[in-house]
All heavy atoms as atom14 arrays in JSON, in Angstrom:
{
  "sequence": "RYRSIEAPYQREPMIVASDPRVRLMVLMWASQLGKSTIVENIIGRA",
  "atom14_mask": [
    [1, 1, 1, 1, 1, 1, 1, 1, 1, 1, 1, 0, 0, 0],
    [1, 1, 1, 1, 1, 1, 1, 1, 1, 1, 1, 1, 0, 0],
    [1, 1, 1, 1, 1, 1, 1, 1, 1, 1, 1, 0, 0, 0],
    [1, 1, 1, 1, 1, 1, 0, 0, 0, 0, 0, 0, 0, 0],
    [1, 1, 1, 1, 1, 1, 1, 1, 0, 0, 0, 0, 0, 0],
    [1, 1, 1, 1, 1, 1, 1, 1, 1, 0, 0, 0, 0, 0],
    [1, 1, 1, 1, 1, 0, 0, 0, 0, 0, 0, 0, 0, 0],
    [1, 1, 1, 1, 1, 1, 1, 0, 0, 0, 0, 0, 0, 0],
    [1, 1, 1, 1, 1, 1, 1, 1, 1, 1, 1, 1, 0, 0],
    [1, 1, 1, 1, 1, 1, 1, 1, 1, 0, 0, 0, 0, 0],
    [1, 1, 1, 1, 1, 1, 1, 1, 1, 1, 1, 0, 0, 0],
    [1, 1, 1, 1, 1, 1, 1, 1, 1, 0, 0, 0, 0, 0],
    [1, 1, 1, 1, 1, 1, 1, 0, 0, 0, 0, 0, 0, 0],
    [1, 1, 1, 1, 1, 1, 1, 1, 0, 0, 0, 0, 0, 0],
    [1, 1, 1, 1, 1, 1, 1, 1, 0, 0, 0, 0, 0, 0],
    [1, 1, 1, 1, 1, 1, 1, 0, 0, 0, 0, 0, 0, 0],
    [1, 1, 1, 1, 1, 0, 0, 0, 0, 0, 0, 0, 0, 0],
    [1, 1, 1, 1, 1, 1, 0, 0, 0, 0, 0, 0, 0, 0],
    [1, 1, 1, 1, 1, 1, 1, 1, 0, 0, 0, 0, 0, 0],
    [1, 1, 1, 1, 1, 1, 1, 0, 0, 0, 0, 0, 0, 0],
    [1, 1, 1, 1, 1, 1, 1, 1, 1, 1, 1, 0, 0, 0],
    [1, 1, 1, 1, 1, 1, 1, 0, 0, 0, 0, 0, 0, 0],
    [1, 1, 1, 1, 1, 1, 1, 1, 1, 1, 1, 0, 0, 0],
    [1, 1, 1, 1, 1, 1, 1, 1, 0, 0, 0, 0, 0, 0],
    [1, 1, 1, 1, 1, 1, 1, 1, 0, 0, 0, 0, 0, 0],
    [1, 1, 1, 1, 1, 1, 1, 0, 0, 0, 0, 0, 0, 0],
    [1, 1, 1, 1, 1, 1, 1, 1, 0, 0, 0, 0, 0, 0],
    [1, 1, 1, 1, 1, 1, 1, 1, 0, 0, 0, 0, 0, 0],
    [1, 1, 1, 1, 1, 1, 1, 1, 1, 1, 1, 1, 1, 1],
    [1, 1, 1, 1, 1, 0, 0, 0, 0, 0, 0, 0, 0, 0],
    [1, 1, 1, 1, 1, 1, 0, 0, 0, 0, 0, 0, 0, 0],
    [1, 1, 1, 1, 1, 1, 1, 1, 1, 0, 0, 0, 0, 0],
    [1, 1, 1, 1, 1, 1, 1, 1, 0, 0, 0, 0, 0, 0],
    [1, 1, 1, 1, 0, 0, 0, 0, 0, 0, 0, 0, 0, 0],
    [1, 1, 1, 1, 1, 1, 1, 1, 1, 0, 0, 0, 0, 0],
    [1, 1, 1, 1, 1, 1, 0, 0, 0, 0, 0, 0, 0, 0],
    [1, 1, 1, 1, 1, 1, 1, 0, 0, 0, 0, 0, 0, 0],
    [1, 1, 1, 1, 1, 1, 1, 1, 0, 0, 0, 0, 0, 0],
    [1, 1, 1, 1, 1, 1, 1, 0, 0, 0, 0, 0, 0, 0],
    [1, 1, 1, 1, 1, 1, 1, 1, 1, 0, 0, 0, 0, 0],
    [1, 1, 1, 1, 1, 1, 1, 1, 0, 0, 0, 0, 0, 0],
    [1, 1, 1, 1, 1, 1, 1, 1, 0, 0, 0, 0, 0, 0],
    [1, 1, 1, 1, 1, 1, 1, 1, 0, 0, 0, 0, 0, 0],
    [1, 1, 1, 1, 0, 0, 0, 0, 0, 0, 0, 0, 0, 0],
    [1, 1, 1, 1, 1, 1, 1, 1, 1, 1, 1, 0, 0, 0],
    [1, 1, 1, 1, 1, 0, 0, 0, 0, 0, 0, 0, 0, 0]
  ],
  "atom14_positions": [
    [[113.62, 95.62, 87.69], [112.3, 96.26, 87.43], [111.35, 95.18, 86.94], [111.63, 94.35, 86.1], [112.55, 97.34, 86.33], [111.25, 98.1, 86.0], [111.45, 99.18, 85.0], [112.27, 100.22, 85.47], [111.8, 101.3, 86.15], [110.51, 101.33, 86.47], [112.62, 102.25, 86.55], [0.0, 0.0, 0.0], [0.0, 0.0, 0.0], [0.0, 0.0, 0.0]],
    [[110.1, 95.34, 87.45], [109.05, 94.44, 87.04], [108.63, 94.65, 85.59], [108.44, 95.8, 85.18], [107.88, 94.6, 87.97], [106.58, 93.78, 87.5], [106.57, 92.46, 87.83], [105.66, 94.37, 86.75], [105.43, 91.66, 87.39], [104.55, 93.61, 86.35], [104.45, 92.25, 86.69], [103.4, 91.58, 86.21], [0.0, 0.0, 0.0], [0.0, 0.0, 0.0]],
    [[108.56, 93.61, 84.85], [108.08, 93.65, 83.46], [107.06, 92.53, 83.2], [107.36, 91.39, 83.25], [109.31, 93.46, 82.51], [110.4, 94.48, 82.68], [111.69, 94.16, 81.91], [111.48, 94.23, 80.45], [111.54, 93.21, 79.63], [111.76, 91.94, 80.13], [111.39, 93.25, 78.35], [0.0, 0.0, 0.0], [0.0, 0.0, 0.0], [0.0, 0.0, 0.0]],
    [[105.8, 93.01, 82.92], [104.79, 91.99, 82.82], [104.91, 91.15, 81.54], [104.21, 90.09, 81.41], [103.38, 92.68, 82.83], [103.2, 93.54, 81.68], [0.0, 0.0, 0.0], [0.0, 0.0, 0.0], [0.0, 0.0, 0.0], [0.0, 0.0, 0.0], [0.0, 0.0, 0.0], [0.0, 0.0, 0.0], [0.0, 0.0, 0.0], [0.0, 0.0, 0.0]],
    [[105.71, 91.59, 80.61], [105.9, 90.8, 79.37], [106.47, 89.45, 79.68], [106.37, 88.46, 78.94], [106.82, 91.53, 78.34], [106.72, 90.9, 76.98], [108.3, 91.61, 78.85], [107.41, 91.69, 75.92], [0.0, 0.0, 0.0], [0.0, 0.0, 0.0], [0.0, 0.0, 0.0], [0.0, 0.0, 0.0], [0.0, 0.0, 0.0], [0.0, 0.0, 0.0]],
    [[107.21, 89.35, 80.83], [107.72, 88.06, 81.24], [106.6, 87.06, 81.75], [106.81, 85.85, 81.75], [108.71, 88.19, 82.4], [109.91, 89.15, 82.07], [110.77, 88.63, 80.96], [110.76, 87.43, 80.68], [111.5, 89.4, 80.31], [0.0, 0.0, 0.0], [0.0, 0.0, 0.0], [0.0, 0.0, 0.0], [0.0, 0.0, 0.0], [0.0, 0.0, 0.0]],
    [[105.5, 87.55, 82.08], [104.36, 86.73, 82.56], [103.11, 87.42, 82.26], [102.38, 87.99, 83.12], [104.44, 86.45, 84.03], [0.0, 0.0, 0.0], [0.0, 0.0, 0.0], [0.0, 0.0, 0.0], [0.0, 0.0, 0.0], [0.0, 0.0, 0.0], [0.0, 0.0, 0.0], [0.0, 0.0, 0.0], [0.0, 0.0, 0.0], [0.0, 0.0, 0.0]],
    [[102.74, 87.59, 80.94], [101.63, 88.47, 80.58], [100.25, 88.03, 81.13], [99.38, 88.86, 81.16], [101.65, 88.39, 79.05], [102.42, 87.15, 78.68], [103.43, 87.03, 79.81], [0.0, 0.0, 0.0], [0.0, 0.0, 0.0], [0.0, 0.0, 0.0], [0.0, 0.0, 0.0], [0.0, 0.0, 0.0], [0.0, 0.0, 0.0], [0.0, 0.0, 0.0]],
    [[100.14, 86.82, 81.54], [98.86, 86.33, 82.12], [98.59, 86.97, 83.47], [97.47, 86.92, 84.02], [98.84, 84.82, 82.3], [100.0, 84.26, 83.02], [100.08, 84.25, 84.43], [101.14, 83.83, 82.35], [101.14, 83.76, 85.08], [102.22, 83.35, 83.05], [102.25, 83.37, 84.44], [103.36, 82.86, 85.13], [0.0, 0.0, 0.0], [0.0, 0.0, 0.0]],
    [[99.57, 87.62, 84.05], [99.43, 88.34, 85.31], [98.72, 89.74, 85.06], [98.27, 90.3, 86.07], [100.73, 88.6, 86.01], [101.47, 87.37, 86.43], [102.83, 87.63, 87.04], [103.23, 88.8, 87.08], [103.53, 86.64, 87.45], [0.0, 0.0, 0.0], [0.0, 0.0, 0.0], [0.0, 0.0, 0.0], [0.0, 0.0, 0.0], [0.0, 0.0, 0.0]],
    [[98.65, 90.2, 83.86], [98.12, 91.52, 83.58], [96.64, 91.7, 83.97], [96.29, 92.68, 84.63], [98.35, 91.88, 82.14], [99.77, 92.08, 81.76], [99.96, 92.21, 80.26], [101.35, 92.41, 79.88], [101.82, 92.25, 78.64], [101.0, 91.79, 77.67], [103.14, 92.45, 78.4], [0.0, 0.0, 0.0], [0.0, 0.0, 0.0], [0.0, 0.0, 0.0]],
    [[95.8, 90.82, 83.49], [94.42, 91.12, 83.66], [93.97, 91.11, 85.14], [93.2, 91.99, 85.54], [93.53, 90.01, 82.91], [92.0, 90.31, 83.05], [91.14, 89.36, 82.2], [91.72, 88.41, 81.63], [89.93, 89.61, 82.18], [0.0, 0.0, 0.0], [0.0, 0.0, 0.0], [0.0, 0.0, 0.0], [0.0, 0.0, 0.0], [0.0, 0.0, 0.0]],
    [[94.48, 90.2, 86.0], [94.1, 90.36, 87.42], [94.46, 91.66, 88.01], [93.71, 92.22, 88.84], [94.84, 89.16, 88.08], [95.05, 88.18, 87.02], [95.24, 88.98, 85.77], [0.0, 0.0, 0.0], [0.0, 0.0, 0.0], [0.0, 0.0, 0.0], [0.0, 0.0, 0.0], [0.0, 0.0, 0.0], [0.0, 0.0, 0.0], [0.0, 0.0, 0.0]],
    [[95.57, 92.26, 87.61], [96.02, 93.52, 88.15], [95.07, 94.69, 87.64], [94.8, 95.56, 88.39], [97.49, 93.78, 87.82], [98.4, 92.87, 88.61], [100.15, 93.39, 88.51], [100.53, 92.74, 86.86], [0.0, 0.0, 0.0], [0.0, 0.0, 0.0], [0.0, 0.0, 0.0], [0.0, 0.0, 0.0], [0.0, 0.0, 0.0], [0.0, 0.0, 0.0]],
    [[94.63, 94.51, 86.42], [93.76, 95.52, 85.87], [92.36, 95.43, 86.59], [91.75, 96.41, 86.94], [93.57, 95.37, 84.38], [94.92, 95.73, 83.66], [92.44, 96.26, 83.75], [94.93, 95.36, 82.17], [0.0, 0.0, 0.0], [0.0, 0.0, 0.0], [0.0, 0.0, 0.0], [0.0, 0.0, 0.0], [0.0, 0.0, 0.0], [0.0, 0.0, 0.0]],
    [[91.88, 94.17, 86.77], [90.55, 93.95, 87.42], [90.65, 94.49, 88.87], [89.67, 95.08, 89.38], [90.21, 92.45, 87.37], [89.0, 92.18, 88.24], [89.94, 92.07, 85.92], [0.0, 0.0, 0.0], [0.0, 0.0, 0.0], [0.0, 0.0, 0.0], [0.0, 0.0, 0.0], [0.0, 0.0, 0.0], [0.0, 0.0, 0.0], [0.0, 0.0, 0.0]],
    [[91.77, 94.21, 89.5], [91.89, 94.69, 90.98], [91.9, 96.19, 91.05], [91.58, 96.72, 92.21], [93.19, 94.14, 91.5], [0.0, 0.0, 0.0], [0.0, 0.0, 0.0], [0.0, 0.0, 0.0], [0.0, 0.0, 0.0], [0.0, 0.0, 0.0], [0.0, 0.0, 0.0], [0.0, 0.0, 0.0], [0.0, 0.0, 0.0], [0.0, 0.0, 0.0]],
    [[92.04, 96.89, 89.97], [92.04, 98.37, 89.97], [90.66, 98.94, 89.72], [90.45, 100.15, 89.86], [93.0, 98.93, 88.96], [94.24, 98.27, 89.09], [0.0, 0.0, 0.0], [0.0, 0.0, 0.0], [0.0, 0.0, 0.0], [0.0, 0.0, 0.0], [0.0, 0.0, 0.0], [0.0, 0.0, 0.0], [0.0, 0.0, 0.0], [0.0, 0.0, 0.0]],
    [[89.75, 98.1, 89.31], [88.35, 98.51, 88.88], [87.57, 98.75, 90.19], [87.37, 97.9, 90.96], [87.7, 97.46, 88.12], [86.38, 97.9, 87.49], [85.72, 98.78, 88.06], [85.99, 97.35, 86.43], [0.0, 0.0, 0.0], [0.0, 0.0, 0.0], [0.0, 0.0, 0.0], [0.0, 0.0, 0.0], [0.0, 0.0, 0.0], [0.0, 0.0, 0.0]],
    [[87.13, 100.02, 90.42], [86.37, 100.37, 91.67], [85.04, 99.62, 91.83], [84.48, 99.48, 92.89], [86.12, 101.84, 91.58], [86.24, 102.22, 90.08], [87.25, 101.22, 89.56], [0.0, 0.0, 0.0], [0.0, 0.0, 0.0], [0.0, 0.0, 0.0], [0.0, 0.0, 0.0], [0.0, 0.0, 0.0], [0.0, 0.0, 0.0], [0.0, 0.0, 0.0]],
    [[84.56, 99.0, 90.74], [83.3, 98.2, 90.84], [83.5, 96.82, 91.32], [82.65, 96.17, 91.69], [82.67, 98.18, 89.35], [82.29, 99.45, 88.79], [81.91, 99.29, 87.31], [83.09, 98.84, 86.56], [83.01, 98.58, 85.25], [81.91, 98.72, 84.58], [84.18, 98.13, 84.65], [0.0, 0.0, 0.0], [0.0, 0.0, 0.0], [0.0, 0.0, 0.0]],
    [[84.83, 96.38, 91.28], [85.13, 95.04, 91.8], [85.37, 95.04, 93.29], [86.3, 95.7, 93.75], [86.37, 94.45, 91.03], [86.75, 93.13, 91.62], [86.02, 94.37, 89.56], [0.0, 0.0, 0.0], [0.0, 0.0, 0.0], [0.0, 0.0, 0.0], [0.0, 0.0, 0.0], [0.0, 0.0, 0.0], [0.0, 0.0, 0.0], [0.0, 0.0, 0.0]],
    [[84.62, 94.25, 94.0], [84.73, 94.21, 95.48], [85.39, 92.92, 95.95], [85.93, 92.88, 97.06], [83.4, 94.4, 96.12], [82.62, 95.6, 95.73], [83.32, 96.91, 96.25], [83.33, 96.92, 97.65], [82.29, 97.32, 98.43], [81.21, 97.71, 97.84], [82.39, 97.37, 99.72], [0.0, 0.0, 0.0], [0.0, 0.0, 0.0], [0.0, 0.0, 0.0]],
    [[85.36, 91.86, 95.12], [85.97, 90.59, 95.47], [86.64, 89.99, 94.19], [85.92, 89.86, 93.18], [84.9, 89.62, 96.06], [85.37, 88.15, 96.27], [86.48, 88.09, 97.24], [84.18, 87.3, 96.64], [0.0, 0.0, 0.0], [0.0, 0.0, 0.0], [0.0, 0.0, 0.0], [0.0, 0.0, 0.0], [0.0, 0.0, 0.0], [0.0, 0.0, 0.0]],
    [[87.86, 89.57, 94.29], [88.51, 88.89, 93.2], [89.07, 87.6, 93.73], [89.65, 87.56, 94.88], [89.64, 89.71, 92.59], [90.33, 89.06, 91.38], [91.38, 90.2, 90.5], [92.76, 90.3, 91.53], [0.0, 0.0, 0.0], [0.0, 0.0, 0.0], [0.0, 0.0, 0.0], [0.0, 0.0, 0.0], [0.0, 0.0, 0.0], [0.0, 0.0, 0.0]],
    [[88.93, 86.51, 92.96], [89.38, 85.19, 93.4], [90.39, 84.66, 92.37], [90.09, 84.65, 91.16], [88.23, 84.18, 93.53], [88.68, 82.75, 93.95], [87.25, 84.7, 94.63], [0.0, 0.0, 0.0], [0.0, 0.0, 0.0], [0.0, 0.0, 0.0], [0.0, 0.0, 0.0], [0.0, 0.0, 0.0], [0.0, 0.0, 0.0], [0.0, 0.0, 0.0]],
    [[91.54, 84.25, 92.83], [92.55, 83.6, 91.96], [92.76, 82.2, 92.39], [93.31, 81.94, 93.41], [93.85, 84.39, 92.0], [93.84, 85.88, 91.52], [95.25, 86.47, 91.71], [93.32, 85.98, 90.17], [0.0, 0.0, 0.0], [0.0, 0.0, 0.0], [0.0, 0.0, 0.0], [0.0, 0.0, 0.0], [0.0, 0.0, 0.0], [0.0, 0.0, 0.0]],
    [[92.3, 81.24, 91.58], [92.6, 79.82, 91.77], [93.65, 79.42, 90.73], [93.3, 79.12, 89.61], [91.32, 78.98, 91.64], [91.52, 77.51, 91.9], [89.96, 76.53, 91.94], [89.58, 76.52, 90.2], [0.0, 0.0, 0.0], [0.0, 0.0, 0.0], [0.0, 0.0, 0.0], [0.0, 0.0, 0.0], [0.0, 0.0, 0.0], [0.0, 0.0, 0.0]],
    [[94.89, 79.44, 91.16], [96.07, 79.28, 90.23], [96.92, 78.12, 90.8], [96.99, 77.73, 92.0], [96.9, 80.51, 90.19], [96.3, 81.6, 89.39], [94.98, 81.87, 89.08], [96.99, 82.71, 88.83], [94.86, 82.96, 88.37], [96.11, 83.52, 88.17], [98.35, 83.04, 88.81], [96.38, 84.7, 87.49], [98.73, 84.23, 88.13], [97.76, 85.06, 87.46]],
    [[97.65, 77.51, 89.81], [98.69, 76.56, 90.26], [99.83, 77.32, 90.88], [99.89, 78.53, 90.87], [99.24, 75.81, 88.96], [0.0, 0.0, 0.0], [0.0, 0.0, 0.0], [0.0, 0.0, 0.0], [0.0, 0.0, 0.0], [0.0, 0.0, 0.0], [0.0, 0.0, 0.0], [0.0, 0.0, 0.0], [0.0, 0.0, 0.0], [0.0, 0.0, 0.0]],
    [[100.71, 76.64, 91.56], [101.81, 77.22, 92.23], [102.88, 77.66, 91.25], [102.89, 77.29, 90.11], [102.49, 76.2, 93.24], [102.94, 75.12, 92.56], [0.0, 0.0, 0.0], [0.0, 0.0, 0.0], [0.0, 0.0, 0.0], [0.0, 0.0, 0.0], [0.0, 0.0, 0.0], [0.0, 0.0, 0.0], [0.0, 0.0, 0.0], [0.0, 0.0, 0.0]],
    [[103.7, 78.68, 91.7], [104.79, 79.17, 90.94], [104.38, 79.93, 89.61], [105.13, 79.88, 88.66], [105.76, 78.07, 90.61], [106.38, 77.38, 91.82], [107.15, 78.3, 92.69], [107.93, 79.11, 92.29], [106.84, 78.22, 94.02], [0.0, 0.0, 0.0], [0.0, 0.0, 0.0], [0.0, 0.0, 0.0], [0.0, 0.0, 0.0], [0.0, 0.0, 0.0]],
    [[103.24, 80.56, 89.64], [102.77, 81.28, 88.49], [102.74, 82.81, 88.76], [102.46, 83.57, 87.87], [101.39, 80.82, 88.06], [101.36, 79.47, 87.32], [99.87, 79.06, 86.95], [102.26, 79.38, 86.17], [0.0, 0.0, 0.0], [0.0, 0.0, 0.0], [0.0, 0.0, 0.0], [0.0, 0.0, 0.0], [0.0, 0.0, 0.0], [0.0, 0.0, 0.0]],
    [[102.98, 83.21, 89.98], [103.17, 84.61, 90.22], [101.99, 85.21, 91.01], [101.79, 86.43, 90.97], [0.0, 0.0, 0.0], [0.0, 0.0, 0.0], [0.0, 0.0, 0.0], [0.0, 0.0, 0.0], [0.0, 0.0, 0.0], [0.0, 0.0, 0.0], [0.0, 0.0, 0.0], [0.0, 0.0, 0.0], [0.0, 0.0, 0.0], [0.0, 0.0, 0.0]],
    [[101.16, 84.36, 91.76], [100.13, 84.99, 92.62], [100.69, 85.95, 93.64], [100.12, 87.01, 93.82], [99.4, 83.84, 93.37], [98.62, 82.88, 92.49], [97.77, 82.03, 93.42], [98.44, 81.23, 94.48], [99.45, 80.26, 93.97], [0.0, 0.0, 0.0], [0.0, 0.0, 0.0], [0.0, 0.0, 0.0], [0.0, 0.0, 0.0], [0.0, 0.0, 0.0]],
    [[101.87, 85.55, 94.18], [102.41, 86.49, 95.23], [102.86, 87.74, 94.62], [102.79, 88.85, 95.21], [103.68, 85.86, 95.88], [103.25, 84.66, 96.62], [0.0, 0.0, 0.0], [0.0, 0.0, 0.0], [0.0, 0.0, 0.0], [0.0, 0.0, 0.0], [0.0, 0.0, 0.0], [0.0, 0.0, 0.0], [0.0, 0.0, 0.0], [0.0, 0.0, 0.0]],
    [[103.35, 87.82, 93.37], [103.75, 89.02, 92.69], [102.55, 89.95, 92.51], [102.59, 91.13, 92.68], [104.39, 88.73, 91.35], [105.59, 87.87, 91.59], [104.85, 90.03, 90.64], [0.0, 0.0, 0.0], [0.0, 0.0, 0.0], [0.0, 0.0, 0.0], [0.0, 0.0, 0.0], [0.0, 0.0, 0.0], [0.0, 0.0, 0.0], [0.0, 0.0, 0.0]],
    [[101.4, 89.37, 92.12], [100.17, 90.16, 91.94], [99.71, 90.7, 93.29], [99.38, 91.93, 93.38], [99.06, 89.24, 91.33], [99.42, 88.88, 89.93], [97.7, 90.01, 91.33], [98.49, 87.88, 89.29], [0.0, 0.0, 0.0], [0.0, 0.0, 0.0], [0.0, 0.0, 0.0], [0.0, 0.0, 0.0], [0.0, 0.0, 0.0], [0.0, 0.0, 0.0]],
    [[99.81, 89.97, 94.31], [99.46, 90.38, 95.66], [100.32, 91.57, 96.06], [99.87, 92.61, 96.52], [99.52, 89.25, 96.68], [99.48, 89.78, 98.12], [98.36, 88.21, 96.46], [0.0, 0.0, 0.0], [0.0, 0.0, 0.0], [0.0, 0.0, 0.0], [0.0, 0.0, 0.0], [0.0, 0.0, 0.0], [0.0, 0.0, 0.0], [0.0, 0.0, 0.0]],
    [[101.56, 91.44, 95.84], [102.52, 92.42, 96.2], [102.32, 93.75, 95.47], [102.42, 94.87, 95.96], [104.0, 91.97, 96.02], [104.38, 90.83, 96.99], [105.4, 89.95, 96.36], [106.13, 90.35, 95.42], [105.5, 88.81, 96.89], [0.0, 0.0, 0.0], [0.0, 0.0, 0.0], [0.0, 0.0, 0.0], [0.0, 0.0, 0.0], [0.0, 0.0, 0.0]],
    [[102.02, 93.64, 94.15], [101.78, 94.77, 93.32], [100.51, 95.52, 93.76], [100.5, 96.78, 93.75], [101.76, 94.45, 91.86], [103.05, 94.0, 91.25], [104.09, 94.28, 91.84], [103.02, 93.32, 90.1], [0.0, 0.0, 0.0], [0.0, 0.0, 0.0], [0.0, 0.0, 0.0], [0.0, 0.0, 0.0], [0.0, 0.0, 0.0], [0.0, 0.0, 0.0]],
    [[99.48, 94.78, 94.11], [98.26, 95.43, 94.64], [98.58, 96.22, 95.88], [98.15, 97.35, 96.07], [97.2, 94.42, 94.88], [96.66, 93.81, 93.56], [96.02, 94.95, 95.71], [95.73, 92.61, 93.69], [0.0, 0.0, 0.0], [0.0, 0.0, 0.0], [0.0, 0.0, 0.0], [0.0, 0.0, 0.0], [0.0, 0.0, 0.0], [0.0, 0.0, 0.0]],
    [[99.4, 95.6, 96.82], [99.74, 96.27, 98.06], [100.62, 97.47, 97.75], [100.42, 98.58, 98.34], [100.49, 95.33, 99.0], [99.49, 94.21, 99.45], [101.14, 95.95, 100.13], [100.16, 93.09, 100.18], [0.0, 0.0, 0.0], [0.0, 0.0, 0.0], [0.0, 0.0, 0.0], [0.0, 0.0, 0.0], [0.0, 0.0, 0.0], [0.0, 0.0, 0.0]],
    [[101.64, 97.32, 96.92], [102.49, 98.37, 96.64], [101.8, 99.63, 96.06], [102.04, 100.77, 96.51], [0.0, 0.0, 0.0], [0.0, 0.0, 0.0], [0.0, 0.0, 0.0], [0.0, 0.0, 0.0], [0.0, 0.0, 0.0], [0.0, 0.0, 0.0], [0.0, 0.0, 0.0], [0.0, 0.0, 0.0], [0.0, 0.0, 0.0], [0.0, 0.0, 0.0]],
    [[100.92, 99.39, 95.1], [100.18, 100.5, 94.54], [99.31, 101.18, 95.55], [99.2, 102.44, 95.58], [99.41, 100.05, 93.32], [98.66, 101.05, 92.57], [97.19, 101.0, 92.85], [96.34, 101.71, 91.83], [95.06, 101.76, 91.87], [94.4, 101.06, 92.75], [94.4, 102.48, 90.99], [0.0, 0.0, 0.0], [0.0, 0.0, 0.0], [0.0, 0.0, 0.0]],
    [[98.69, 100.37, 96.44], [97.86, 100.98, 97.44], [98.68, 101.86, 98.48], [98.22, 102.98, 98.79], [97.16, 99.89, 98.27], [0.0, 0.0, 0.0], [0.0, 0.0, 0.0], [0.0, 0.0, 0.0], [0.0, 0.0, 0.0], [0.0, 0.0, 0.0], [0.0, 0.0, 0.0], [0.0, 0.0, 0.0], [0.0, 0.0, 0.0], [0.0, 0.0, 0.0]]
  ]
}
């Protein structure tokens, strides 16, 4: 089971991606920090 407490910095991008006022979000991150997990969660919820 996914638990954001393991990587709490992933929380805000997922909250922002849910805001209907946001049309474009940009993540400039180092590798191995969980960008793919955020992408997958956005897709899964959709």
